[in-house]
Amino acid sequence: MKTTMKTMAMLIAIGTLSSCGFKRYGDFTMLANGNVDSKTEYQKLKVNAEAVVKTKKIDPLEECVDQAVKSVEGGEFLKNVTVYVKKSGRKIKVTGDVYGIPVDKK
């Protein structure tokens, strides 16, 4: 009986630990939720900006991109983006470089 309980505990622990973390879903050259003006010279404002959103929200990928871009003042869009999905499917994570127009702080 004790070995059965130990085996069950080990299986539960392995199952719990293996479901943690994010699985890489895809890479994108650029992600934006708005229009990007091709004539404007945008600058890289932040490298590896990151945002995590629960998938229960409406349009979780759009919300995640918005959070990552808005985390930097003057941010407009993301380049060199990687999208991850939690193995449980409950969260989305986006990492990428934020480009935009720098804001002068005085």
PDB file of N, CA and C in Angstrom:
ATOM      1  N   MET A   1       0.831  -1.195   0.000  1.00  0.00           N
ATOM      2  CA  MET A   1       0.000   0.000   0.000  1.00  0.00           C
ATOM      3  C   MET A   1       0.871   1.253   0.000  1.00  0.00           C
ATOM      4  N   LYS A   2       1.984   1.225   0.758  1.00  0.00           N
ATOM      5  CA  LYS A   2       2.856   2.400   0.830  1.00  0.00           C
ATOM      6  C   LYS A   2       3.528   2.666  -0.519  1.00  0.00           C
ATOM      7  N   THR A   3       3.938   1.580  -1.217  1.00  0.00           N
ATOM      8  CA  THR A   3       4.563   1.783  -2.519  1.00  0.00           C
ATOM      9  C   THR A   3       3.565   2.330  -3.531  1.00  0.00           C
ATOM     10  N   THR A   4       2.319   1.929  -3.438  1.00  0.00           N
ATOM     11  CA  THR A   4       1.294   2.459  -4.324  1.00  0.00           C
ATOM     12  C   THR A   4       1.101   3.954  -4.087  1.00  0.00           C
ATOM     13  N   MET A   5       1.077   4.359  -2.836  1.00  0.00           N
ATOM     14  CA  MET A   5       0.916   5.776  -2.495  1.00  0.00           C
ATOM     15  C   MET A   5       2.124   6.589  -2.955  1.00  0.00           C
ATOM     16  N   LYS A   6       3.321   6.027  -2.770  1.00  0.00           N
ATOM     17  CA  LYS A   6       4.525   6.723  -3.216  1.00  0.00           C
ATOM     18  C   LYS A   6       4.539   6.864  -4.733  1.00  0.00           C
ATOM     19  N   THR A   7       4.147   5.806  -5.430  1.00  0.00           N
ATOM     20  CA  THR A   7       4.103   5.841  -6.883  1.00  0.00           C
ATOM     21  C   THR A   7       3.093   6.878  -7.360  1.00  0.00           C
ATOM     22  N   MET A   8       1.927   6.913  -6.729  1.00  0.00           N
ATOM     23  CA  MET A   8       0.895   7.896  -7.087  1.00  0.00           C
ATOM     24  C   MET A   8       1.402   9.310  -6.842  1.00  0.00           C
ATOM     25  N   ALA A   9       2.078   9.515  -5.718  1.00  0.00           N
ATOM     26  CA  ALA A   9       2.607  10.842  -5.394  1.00  0.00           C
ATOM     27  C   ALA A   9       3.660  11.264  -6.422  1.00  0.00           C
ATOM     28  N   MET A  10       4.506  10.335  -6.827  1.00  0.00           N
ATOM     29  CA  MET A  10       5.531  10.640  -7.830  1.00  0.00           C
ATOM     30  C   MET A  10       4.887  10.988  -9.179  1.00  0.00           C
ATOM     31  N   LEU A  11       3.873  10.244  -9.588  1.00  0.00           N
ATOM     32  CA  LEU A  11       3.196  10.511 -10.851  1.00  0.00           C
ATOM     33  C   LEU A  11       2.508  11.870 -10.833  1.00  0.00           C
ATOM     34  N   ILE A  12       1.893  12.216  -9.722  1.00  0.00           N
ATOM     35  CA  ILE A  12       1.243  13.520  -9.599  1.00  0.00           C
ATOM     36  C   ILE A  12       2.282  14.635  -9.659  1.00  0.00           C
ATOM     37  N   ALA A  13       3.403  14.450  -8.966  1.00  0.00           N
ATOM     38  CA  ALA A  13       4.464  15.462  -8.969  1.00  0.00           C
ATOM     39  C   ALA A  13       5.044  15.650 -10.372  1.00  0.00           C
ATOM     40  N   ILE A  14       5.284  14.559 -11.068  1.00  0.00           N
ATOM     41  CA  ILE A  14       5.828  14.643 -12.427  1.00  0.00           C
ATOM     42  C   ILE A  14       4.820  15.313 -13.359  1.00  0.00           C
ATOM     43  N   GLY A  15       3.561  14.955 -13.233  1.00  0.00           N
ATOM     44  CA  GLY A  15       2.516  15.568 -14.059  1.00  0.00           C
ATOM     45  C   GLY A  15       2.382  17.050 -13.809  1.00  0.00           C
ATOM     46  N   THR A  16       2.465  17.442 -12.546  1.00  0.00           N
ATOM     47  CA  THR A  16       2.357  18.859 -12.198  1.00  0.00           C
ATOM     48  C   THR A  16       3.544  19.646 -12.730  1.00  0.00           C
ATOM     49  N   LEU A  17       4.739  19.125 -12.576  1.00  0.00           N
ATOM     50  CA  LEU A  17       5.931  19.835 -13.028  1.00  0.00           C
ATOM     51  C   LEU A  17       6.033  19.895 -14.542  1.00  0.00           C
ATOM     52  N   SER A  18       5.561  18.862 -15.219  1.00  0.00           N
ATOM     53  CA  SER A  18       5.659  18.868 -16.677  1.00  0.00           C
ATOM     54  C   SER A  18       4.645  19.806 -17.315  1.00  0.00           C
ATOM     55  N   SER A  19       3.582  20.159 -16.600  1.00  0.00           N
ATOM     56  CA  SER A  19       2.586  21.068 -17.166  1.00  0.00           C
ATOM     57  C   SER A  19       2.955  22.533 -16.948  1.00  0.00           C
ATOM     58  N   CYS A  20       4.017  22.792 -16.210  1.00  0.00           N
ATOM     59  CA  CYS A  20       4.465  24.162 -15.978  1.00  0.00           C
ATOM     60  C   CYS A  20       5.227  24.660 -17.202  1.00  0.00           C
ATOM     61  N   GLY A  21       5.324  25.965 -17.317  1.00  0.00           N
ATOM     62  CA  GLY A  21       6.119  26.550 -18.380  1.00  0.00           C
ATOM     63  C   GLY A  21       5.315  26.826 -19.624  1.00  0.00           C
ATOM     64  N   PHE A  22       5.977  27.484 -20.562  1.00  0.00           N
ATOM     65  CA  PHE A  22       5.333  27.887 -21.802  1.00  0.00           C
ATOM     66  C   PHE A  22       5.886  27.082 -22.963  1.00  0.00           C
ATOM     67  N   LYS A  23       5.042  26.840 -23.956  1.00  0.00           N
ATOM     68  CA  LYS A  23       5.457  26.172 -25.177  1.00  0.00           C
ATOM     69  C   LYS A  23       5.508  27.224 -26.285  1.00  0.00           C
ATOM     70  N   ARG A  24       6.582  27.218 -27.023  1.00  0.00           N
ATOM     71  CA  ARG A  24       6.766  28.194 -28.095  1.00  0.00           C
ATOM     72  C   ARG A  24       5.739  27.923 -29.193  1.00  0.00           C
ATOM     73  N   TYR A  25       4.984  28.940 -29.550  1.00  0.00           N
ATOM     74  CA  TYR A  25       3.912  28.811 -30.528  1.00  0.00           C
ATOM     75  C   TYR A  25       4.345  29.295 -31.908  1.00  0.00           C
ATOM     76  N   GLY A  26       5.131  30.377 -31.933  1.00  0.00           N
ATOM     77  CA  GLY A  26       5.575  30.871 -33.239  1.00  0.00           C
ATOM     78  C   GLY A  26       6.424  32.116 -33.135  1.00  0.00           C
ATOM     79  N   ASP A  27       7.108  32.439 -34.237  1.00  0.00           N
ATOM     80  CA  ASP A  27       7.929  33.645 -34.340  1.00  0.00           C
ATOM     81  C   ASP A  27       7.342  34.537 -35.428  1.00  0.00           C
ATOM     82  N   PHE A  28       7.395  35.836 -35.177  1.00  0.00           N
ATOM     83  CA  PHE A  28       6.855  36.801 -36.123  1.00  0.00           C
ATOM     84  C   PHE A  28       7.873  37.911 -36.331  1.00  0.00           C
ATOM     85  N   THR A  29       7.953  38.406 -37.548  1.00  0.00           N
ATOM     86  CA  THR A  29       8.842  39.519 -37.845  1.00  0.00           C
ATOM     87  C   THR A  29       8.318  40.788 -37.196  1.00  0.00           C
ATOM     88  N   MET A  30       6.991  40.996 -37.278  1.00  0.00           N
ATOM     89  CA  MET A  30       6.395  42.198 -36.713  1.00  0.00           C
ATOM     90  C   MET A  30       4.959  41.916 -36.295  1.00  0.00           C
ATOM     91  N   LEU A  31       4.553  42.485 -35.157  1.00  0.00           N
ATOM     92  CA  LEU A  31       3.170  42.417 -34.691  1.00  0.00           C
ATOM     93  C   LEU A  31       2.742  43.814 -34.290  1.00  0.00           C
ATOM     94  N   ALA A  32       1.569  44.224 -34.774  1.00  0.00           N
ATOM     95  CA  ALA A  32       1.032  45.533 -34.418  1.00  0.00           C
ATOM     96  C   ALA A  32      -0.483  45.437 -34.362  1.00  0.00           C
ATOM     97  N   ASN A  33      -1.089  46.174 -33.458  1.00  0.00           N
ATOM     98  CA  ASN A  33      -2.543  46.216 -33.367  1.00  0.00           C
ATOM     99  C   ASN A  33      -3.122  47.432 -34.059  1.00  0.00           C
ATOM    100  N   GLY A  34      -2.258  48.280 -34.593  1.00  0.00           N
ATOM    101  CA  GLY A  34      -2.705  49.478 -35.306  1.00  0.00           C
ATOM    102  C   GLY A  34      -1.965  49.598 -36.616  1.00  0.00           C
ATOM    103  N   ASN A  35      -2.230  50.680 -37.297  1.00  0.00           N
ATOM    104  CA  ASN A  35      -1.544  50.934 -38.557  1.00  0.00           C
ATOM    105  C   ASN A  35      -0.133  51.434 -38.295  1.00  0.00           C
ATOM    106  N   VAL A  36       0.802  51.001 -39.119  1.00  0.00           N
ATOM    107  CA  VAL A  36       2.197  51.437 -39.021  1.00  0.00           C
ATOM    108  C   VAL A  36       2.519  52.244 -40.274  1.00  0.00           C
ATOM    109  N   ASP A  37       2.983  53.457 -40.080  1.00  0.00           N
ATOM    110  CA  ASP A  37       3.315  54.344 -41.198  1.00  0.00           C
ATOM    111  C   ASP A  37       4.683  53.960 -41.748  1.00  0.00           C
ATOM    112  N   SER A  38       4.729  53.604 -43.017  1.00  0.00           N
ATOM    113  CA  SER A  38       5.990  53.153 -43.607  1.00  0.00           C
ATOM    114  C   SER A  38       6.977  54.304 -43.832  1.00  0.00           C
ATOM    115  N   LYS A  39       6.502  55.544 -43.820  1.00  0.00           N
ATOM    116  CA  LYS A  39       7.383  56.696 -44.056  1.00  0.00           C
ATOM    117  C   LYS A  39       8.012  57.218 -42.769  1.00  0.00           C
ATOM    118  N   THR A  40       7.515  56.795 -41.637  1.00  0.00           N
ATOM    119  CA  THR A  40       8.062  57.245 -40.360  1.00  0.00           C
ATOM    120  C   THR A  40       9.264  56.392 -39.989  1.00  0.00           C
ATOM    121  N   GLU A  41      10.308  57.041 -39.495  1.00  0.00           N
ATOM    122  CA  GLU A  41      11.490  56.305 -39.056  1.00  0.00           C
ATOM    123  C   GLU A  41      11.346  55.978 -37.569  1.00  0.00           C
ATOM    124  N   TYR A  42      10.992  54.743 -37.291  1.00  0.00           N
ATOM    125  CA  TYR A  42      10.836  54.289 -35.915  1.00  0.00           C
ATOM    126  C   TYR A  42      12.184  53.849 -35.363  1.00  0.00           C
ATOM    127  N   GLN A  43      12.329  53.955 -34.048  1.00  0.00           N
ATOM    128  CA  GLN A  43      13.553  53.543 -33.379  1.00  0.00           C
ATOM    129  C   GLN A  43      13.248  52.439 -32.385  1.00  0.00           C
ATOM    130  N   LYS A  44      14.252  51.598 -32.139  1.00  0.00           N
ATOM    131  CA  LYS A  44      14.097  50.551 -31.137  1.00  0.00           C
ATOM    132  C   LYS A  44      14.137  51.202 -29.755  1.00  0.00           C
ATOM    133  N   LEU A  45      13.054  51.025 -29.002  1.00  0.00           N
ATOM    134  CA  LEU A  45      12.953  51.650 -27.685  1.00  0.00           C
ATOM    135  C   LEU A  45      13.287  50.692 -26.547  1.00  0.00           C
ATOM    136  N   LYS A  46      13.011  49.418 -26.747  1.00  0.00           N
ATOM    137  CA  LYS A  46      13.288  48.437 -25.699  1.00  0.00           C
ATOM    138  C   LYS A  46      13.485  47.074 -26.331  1.00  0.00           C
ATOM    139  N   VAL A  47      14.449  46.338 -25.799  1.00  0.00           N
ATOM    140  CA  VAL A  47      14.717  44.981 -26.258  1.00  0.00           C
ATOM    141  C   VAL A  47      14.060  44.001 -25.278  1.00  0.00           C
ATOM    142  N   ASN A  48      13.460  42.967 -25.818  1.00  0.00           N
ATOM    143  CA  ASN A  48      12.829  41.892 -25.035  1.00  0.00           C
ATOM    144  C   ASN A  48      11.754  42.381 -24.069  1.00  0.00           C
ATOM    145  N   ALA A  49      10.856  43.190 -24.552  1.00  0.00           N
ATOM    146  CA  ALA A  49       9.677  43.547 -23.754  1.00  0.00           C
ATOM    147  C   ALA A  49       8.810  42.298 -23.663  1.00  0.00           C
ATOM    148  N   GLU A  50       8.131  42.132 -22.539  1.00  0.00           N
ATOM    149  CA  GLU A  50       7.373  40.902 -22.297  1.00  0.00           C
ATOM    150  C   GLU A  50       6.035  41.217 -21.660  1.00  0.00           C
ATOM    151  N   ALA A  51       5.025  40.444 -22.018  1.00  0.00           N
ATOM    152  CA  ALA A  51       3.703  40.569 -21.411  1.00  0.00           C
ATOM    153  C   ALA A  51       3.062  39.190 -21.350  1.00  0.00           C
ATOM    154  N   VAL A  52       2.277  38.951 -20.303  1.00  0.00           N
ATOM    155  CA  VAL A  52       1.565  37.688 -20.115  1.00  0.00           C
ATOM    156  C   VAL A  52       0.103  38.006 -19.858  1.00  0.00           C
ATOM    157  N   VAL A  53      -0.797  37.287 -20.548  1.00  0.00           N
ATOM    158  CA  VAL A  53      -2.236  37.517 -20.421  1.00  0.00           C
ATOM    159  C   VAL A  53      -2.947  36.167 -20.321  1.00  0.00           C
ATOM    160  N   LYS A  54      -3.970  36.111 -19.483  1.00  0.00           N
ATOM    161  CA  LYS A  54      -4.793  34.906 -19.391  1.00  0.00           C
ATOM    162  C   LYS A  54      -5.657  34.788 -20.637  1.00  0.00           C
ATOM    163  N   THR A  55      -5.863  33.566 -21.108  1.00  0.00           N
ATOM    164  CA  THR A  55      -6.616  33.353 -22.337  1.00  0.00           C
ATOM    165  C   THR A  55      -8.122  33.499 -22.150  1.00  0.00           C
ATOM    166  N   LYS A  56      -8.583  33.687 -20.928  1.00  0.00           N
ATOM    167  CA  LYS A  56     -10.015  33.880 -20.710  1.00  0.00           C
ATOM    168  C   LYS A  56     -10.480  35.253 -21.173  1.00  0.00           C
ATOM    169  N   LYS A  57      -9.544  36.177 -21.369  1.00  0.00           N
ATOM    170  CA  LYS A  57      -9.887  37.523 -21.844  1.00  0.00           C
ATOM    171  C   LYS A  57     -10.262  37.461 -23.319  1.00  0.00           C
ATOM    172  N   ILE A  58     -11.020  38.460 -23.765  1.00  0.00           N
ATOM    173  CA  ILE A  58     -11.365  38.548 -25.175  1.00  0.00           C
ATOM    174  C   ILE A  58     -10.111  38.963 -25.941  1.00  0.00           C
ATOM    175  N   ASP A  59      -9.827  38.298 -27.030  1.00  0.00           N
ATOM    176  CA  ASP A  59      -8.642  38.551 -27.859  1.00  0.00           C
ATOM    177  C   ASP A  59      -7.368  38.596 -27.020  1.00  0.00           C
ATOM    178  N   PRO A  60      -6.967  37.478 -26.434  1.00  0.00           N
ATOM    179  CA  PRO A  60      -5.801  37.499 -25.540  1.00  0.00           C
ATOM    180  C   PRO A  60      -4.493  37.856 -26.233  1.00  0.00           C
ATOM    181  N   LEU A  61      -4.318  37.460 -27.495  1.00  0.00           N
ATOM    182  CA  LEU A  61      -3.080  37.808 -28.195  1.00  0.00           C
ATOM    183  C   LEU A  61      -3.006  39.311 -28.429  1.00  0.00           C
ATOM    184  N   GLU A  62      -4.110  39.905 -28.829  1.00  0.00           N
ATOM    185  CA  GLU A  62      -4.152  41.350 -29.038  1.00  0.00           C
ATOM    186  C   GLU A  62      -3.887  42.090 -27.726  1.00  0.00           C
ATOM    187  N   GLU A  63      -4.474  41.628 -26.652  1.00  0.00           N
ATOM    188  CA  GLU A  63      -4.271  42.241 -25.336  1.00  0.00           C
ATOM    189  C   GLU A  63      -2.808  42.115 -24.900  1.00  0.00           C
ATOM    190  N   CYS A  64      -2.210  40.983 -25.171  1.00  0.00           N
ATOM    191  CA  CYS A  64      -0.815  40.745 -24.793  1.00  0.00           C
ATOM    192  C   CYS A  64       0.125  41.672 -25.578  1.00  0.00           C
ATOM    193  N   VAL A  65      -0.123  41.830 -26.872  1.00  0.00           N
ATOM    194  CA  VAL A  65       0.686  42.736 -27.694  1.00  0.00           C
ATOM    195  C   VAL A  65       0.524  44.167 -27.199  1.00  0.00           C
ATOM    196  N   ASP A  66      -0.714  44.564 -26.901  1.00  0.00           N
ATOM    197  CA  ASP A  66      -0.962  45.917 -26.380  1.00  0.00           C
ATOM    198  C   ASP A  66      -0.201  46.161 -25.083  1.00  0.00           C
ATOM    199  N   GLN A  67      -0.224  45.204 -24.171  1.00  0.00           N
ATOM    200  CA  GLN A  67       0.475  45.377 -22.896  1.00  0.00           C
ATOM    201  C   GLN A  67       1.977  45.517 -23.093  1.00  0.00           C
ATOM    202  N   ALA A  68       2.544  44.711 -23.974  1.00  0.00           N
ATOM    203  CA  ALA A  68       3.987  44.782 -24.226  1.00  0.00           C
ATOM    204  C   ALA A  68       4.367  46.125 -24.841  1.00  0.00           C
ATOM    205  N   VAL A  69       3.571  46.603 -25.796  1.00  0.00           N
ATOM    206  CA  VAL A  69       3.866  47.876 -26.465  1.00  0.00           C
ATOM    207  C   VAL A  69       3.671  49.041 -25.506  1.00  0.00           C
ATOM    208  N   LYS A  70       2.608  49.018 -24.735  1.00  0.00           N
ATOM    209  CA  LYS A  70       2.310  50.116 -23.817  1.00  0.00           C
ATOM    210  C   LYS A  70       3.229  50.140 -22.595  1.00  0.00           C
ATOM    211  N   SER A  71       4.008  49.084 -22.402  1.00  0.00           N
ATOM    212  CA  SER A  71       4.955  49.081 -21.285  1.00  0.00           C
ATOM    213  C   SER A  71       6.106  50.056 -21.531  1.00  0.00           C
ATOM    214  N   VAL A  72       6.239  50.528 -22.773  1.00  0.00           N
ATOM    215  CA  VAL A  72       7.297  51.468 -23.142  1.00  0.00           C
ATOM    216  C   VAL A  72       6.641  52.746 -23.659  1.00  0.00           C
ATOM    217  N   GLU A  73       7.033  53.871 -23.103  1.00  0.00           N
ATOM    218  CA  GLU A  73       6.473  55.146 -23.524  1.00  0.00           C
ATOM    219  C   GLU A  73       6.888  55.449 -24.956  1.00  0.00           C
ATOM    220  N   GLY A  74       5.919  55.737 -25.797  1.00  0.00           N
ATOM    221  CA  GLY A  74       6.188  56.030 -27.200  1.00  0.00           C
ATOM    222  C   GLY A  74       6.183  54.792 -28.082  1.00  0.00           C
ATOM    223  N   GLY A  75       5.920  53.609 -27.514  1.00  0.00           N
ATOM    224  CA  GLY A  75       5.915  52.367 -28.279  1.00  0.00           C
ATOM    225  C   GLY A  75       4.766  52.301 -29.265  1.00  0.00           C
ATOM    226  N   GLU A  76       5.035  51.734 -30.441  1.00  0.00           N
ATOM    227  CA  GLU A  76       4.026  51.633 -31.501  1.00  0.00           C
ATOM    228  C   GLU A  76       3.761  50.189 -31.917  1.00  0.00           C
ATOM    229  N   PHE A  77       4.827  49.363 -32.014  1.00  0.00           N
ATOM    230  CA  PHE A  77       4.654  47.987 -32.473  1.00  0.00           C
ATOM    231  C   PHE A  77       5.826  47.134 -31.993  1.00  0.00           C
ATOM    232  N   LEU A  78       5.725  45.813 -32.218  1.00  0.00           N
ATOM    233  CA  LEU A  78       6.761  44.864 -31.824  1.00  0.00           C
ATOM    234  C   LEU A  78       7.424  44.266 -33.059  1.00  0.00           C
ATOM    235  N   LYS A  79       8.720  44.057 -32.977  1.00  0.00           N
ATOM    236  CA  LYS A  79       9.466  43.336 -34.009  1.00  0.00           C
ATOM    237  C   LYS A  79      10.201  42.185 -33.338  1.00  0.00           C
ATOM    238  N   ASN A  80      10.571  41.192 -34.134  1.00  0.00           N
ATOM    239  CA  ASN A  80      11.294  40.014 -33.642  1.00  0.00           C
ATOM    240  C   ASN A  80      10.528  39.387 -32.474  1.00  0.00           C
ATOM    241  N   VAL A  81       9.292  39.039 -32.735  1.00  0.00           N
ATOM    242  CA  VAL A  81       8.366  38.609 -31.698  1.00  0.00           C
ATOM    243  C   VAL A  81       8.309  37.089 -31.617  1.00  0.00           C
ATOM    244  N   THR A  82       8.248  36.589 -30.392  1.00  0.00           N
ATOM    245  CA  THR A  82       8.004  35.180 -30.136  1.00  0.00           C
ATOM    246  C   THR A  82       6.766  35.071 -29.262  1.00  0.00           C
ATOM    247  N   VAL A  83       5.858  34.176 -29.661  1.00  0.00           N
ATOM    248  CA  VAL A  83       4.620  33.963 -28.917  1.00  0.00           C
ATOM    249  C   VAL A  83       4.692  32.591 -28.251  1.00  0.00           C
ATOM    250  N   TYR A  84       4.397  32.561 -26.968  1.00  0.00           N
ATOM    251  CA  TYR A  84       4.378  31.322 -26.199  1.00  0.00           C
ATOM    252  C   TYR A  84       2.976  31.097 -25.648  1.00  0.00           C
ATOM    253  N   VAL A  85       2.595  29.839 -25.510  1.00  0.00           N
ATOM    254  CA  VAL A  85       1.324  29.481 -24.886  1.00  0.00           C
ATOM    255  C   VAL A  85       1.639  28.536 -23.743  1.00  0.00           C
ATOM    256  N   LYS A  86       1.032  28.784 -22.583  1.00  0.00           N
ATOM    257  CA  LYS A  86       1.210  27.921 -21.423  1.00  0.00           C
ATOM    258  C   LYS A  86       0.759  26.517 -21.806  1.00  0.00           C
ATOM    259  N   LYS A  87       1.459  25.513 -21.356  1.00  0.00           N
ATOM    260  CA  LYS A  87       1.118  24.136 -21.708  1.00  0.00           C
ATOM    261  C   LYS A  87      -0.308  23.786 -21.318  1.00  0.00           C
ATOM    262  N   SER A  88      -0.815  24.438 -20.282  1.00  0.00           N
ATOM    263  CA  SER A  88      -2.203  24.208 -19.873  1.00  0.00           C
ATOM    264  C   SER A  88      -3.174  24.946 -20.789  1.00  0.00           C
ATOM    265  N   GLY A  89      -2.655  25.892 -21.607  1.00  0.00           N
ATOM    266  CA  GLY A  89      -3.490  26.663 -22.512  1.00  0.00           C
ATOM    267  C   GLY A  89      -4.177  27.843 -21.855  1.00  0.00           C
ATOM    268  N   ARG A  90      -3.791  28.187 -20.646  1.00  0.00           N
ATOM    269  CA  ARG A  90      -4.482  29.240 -19.902  1.00  0.00           C
ATOM    270  C   ARG A  90      -3.834  30.614 -20.000  1.00  0.00           C
ATOM    271  N   LYS A  91      -2.610  30.692 -20.517  1.00  0.00           N
ATOM    272  CA  LYS A  91      -1.929  31.982 -20.613  1.00  0.00           C
ATOM    273  C   LYS A  91      -1.165  32.077 -21.918  1.00  0.00           C
ATOM    274  N   ILE A  92      -1.005  33.318 -22.398  1.00  0.00           N
ATOM    275  CA  ILE A  92      -0.192  33.614 -23.574  1.00  0.00           C
ATOM    276  C   ILE A  92       0.892  34.591 -23.148  1.00  0.00           C
ATOM    277  N   LYS A  93       2.114  34.365 -23.649  1.00  0.00           N
ATOM    278  CA  LYS A  93       3.226  35.272 -23.358  1.00  0.00           C
ATOM    279  C   LYS A  93       3.825  35.730 -24.680  1.00  0.00           C
ATOM    280  N   VAL A  94       4.097  37.026 -24.772  1.00  0.00           N
ATOM    281  CA  VAL A  94       4.702  37.611 -25.965  1.00  0.00           C
ATOM    282  C   VAL A  94       5.987  38.309 -25.547  1.00  0.00           C
ATOM    283  N   THR A  95       7.076  38.052 -26.274  1.00  0.00           N
ATOM    284  CA  THR A  95       8.324  38.778 -26.060  1.00  0.00           C
ATOM    285  C   THR A  95       8.787  39.327 -27.404  1.00  0.00           C
ATOM    286  N   GLY A  96       9.330  40.539 -27.377  1.00  0.00           N
ATOM    287  CA  GLY A  96       9.819  41.145 -28.608  1.00  0.00           C
ATOM    288  C   GLY A  96      10.400  42.521 -28.359  1.00  0.00           C
ATOM    289  N   ASP A  97      10.943  43.102 -29.409  1.00  0.00           N
ATOM    290  CA  ASP A  97      11.540  44.435 -29.344  1.00  0.00           C
ATOM    291  C   ASP A  97      10.461  45.472 -29.655  1.00  0.00           C
ATOM    292  N   VAL A  98      10.367  46.488 -28.801  1.00  0.00           N
ATOM    293  CA  VAL A  98       9.387  47.553 -28.999  1.00  0.00           C
ATOM    294  C   VAL A  98      10.017  48.664 -29.822  1.00  0.00           C
ATOM    295  N   TYR A  99       9.317  49.032 -30.908  1.00  0.00           N
ATOM    296  CA  TYR A  99       9.736  50.133 -31.758  1.00  0.00           C
ATOM    297  C   TYR A  99       8.705  51.252 -31.658  1.00  0.00           C
ATOM    298  N   GLY A 100       9.165  52.470 -31.812  1.00  0.00           N
ATOM    299  CA  GLY A 100       8.263  53.597 -31.752  1.00  0.00           C
ATOM    300  C   GLY A 100       9.006  54.897 -31.941  1.00  0.00           C
ATOM    301  N   ILE A 101       8.343  55.969 -31.546  1.00  0.00           N
ATOM    302  CA  ILE A 101       8.930  57.302 -31.639  1.00  0.00           C
ATOM    303  C   ILE A 101       9.320  57.719 -30.227  1.00  0.00           C
ATOM    304  N   PRO A 102      10.613  57.991 -29.996  1.00  0.00           N
ATOM    305  CA  PRO A 102      11.055  58.350 -28.643  1.00  0.00           C
ATOM    306  C   PRO A 102      10.357  59.614 -28.136  1.00  0.00           C
ATOM    307  N   VAL A 103      10.023  59.596 -26.858  1.00  0.00           N
ATOM    308  CA  VAL A 103       9.387  60.739 -26.213  1.00  0.00           C
ATOM    309  C   VAL A 103      10.457  61.507 -25.465  1.00  0.00           C
ATOM    310  N   ASP A 104      10.569  62.806 -25.743  1.00  0.00           N
ATOM    311  CA  ASP A 104      11.549  63.631 -25.034  1.00  0.00           C
ATOM    312  C   ASP A 104      11.021  63.945 -23.639  1.00  0.00           C
ATOM    313  N   LYS A 105      11.823  63.609 -22.644  1.00  0.00           N
ATOM    314  CA  LYS A 105      11.458  63.917 -21.264  1.00  0.00           C
ATOM    315  C   LYS A 105      12.222  65.144 -20.822  1.00  0.00           C
ATOM    316  N   LYS A 106      11.506  66.135 -20.360  1.00  0.00           N
ATOM    317  CA  LYS A 106      12.171  67.372 -19.923  1.00  0.00           C
ATOM    318  C   LYS A 106      11.949  67.605 -18.454  1.00  0.00           C
TER     319      LYS A 106
END
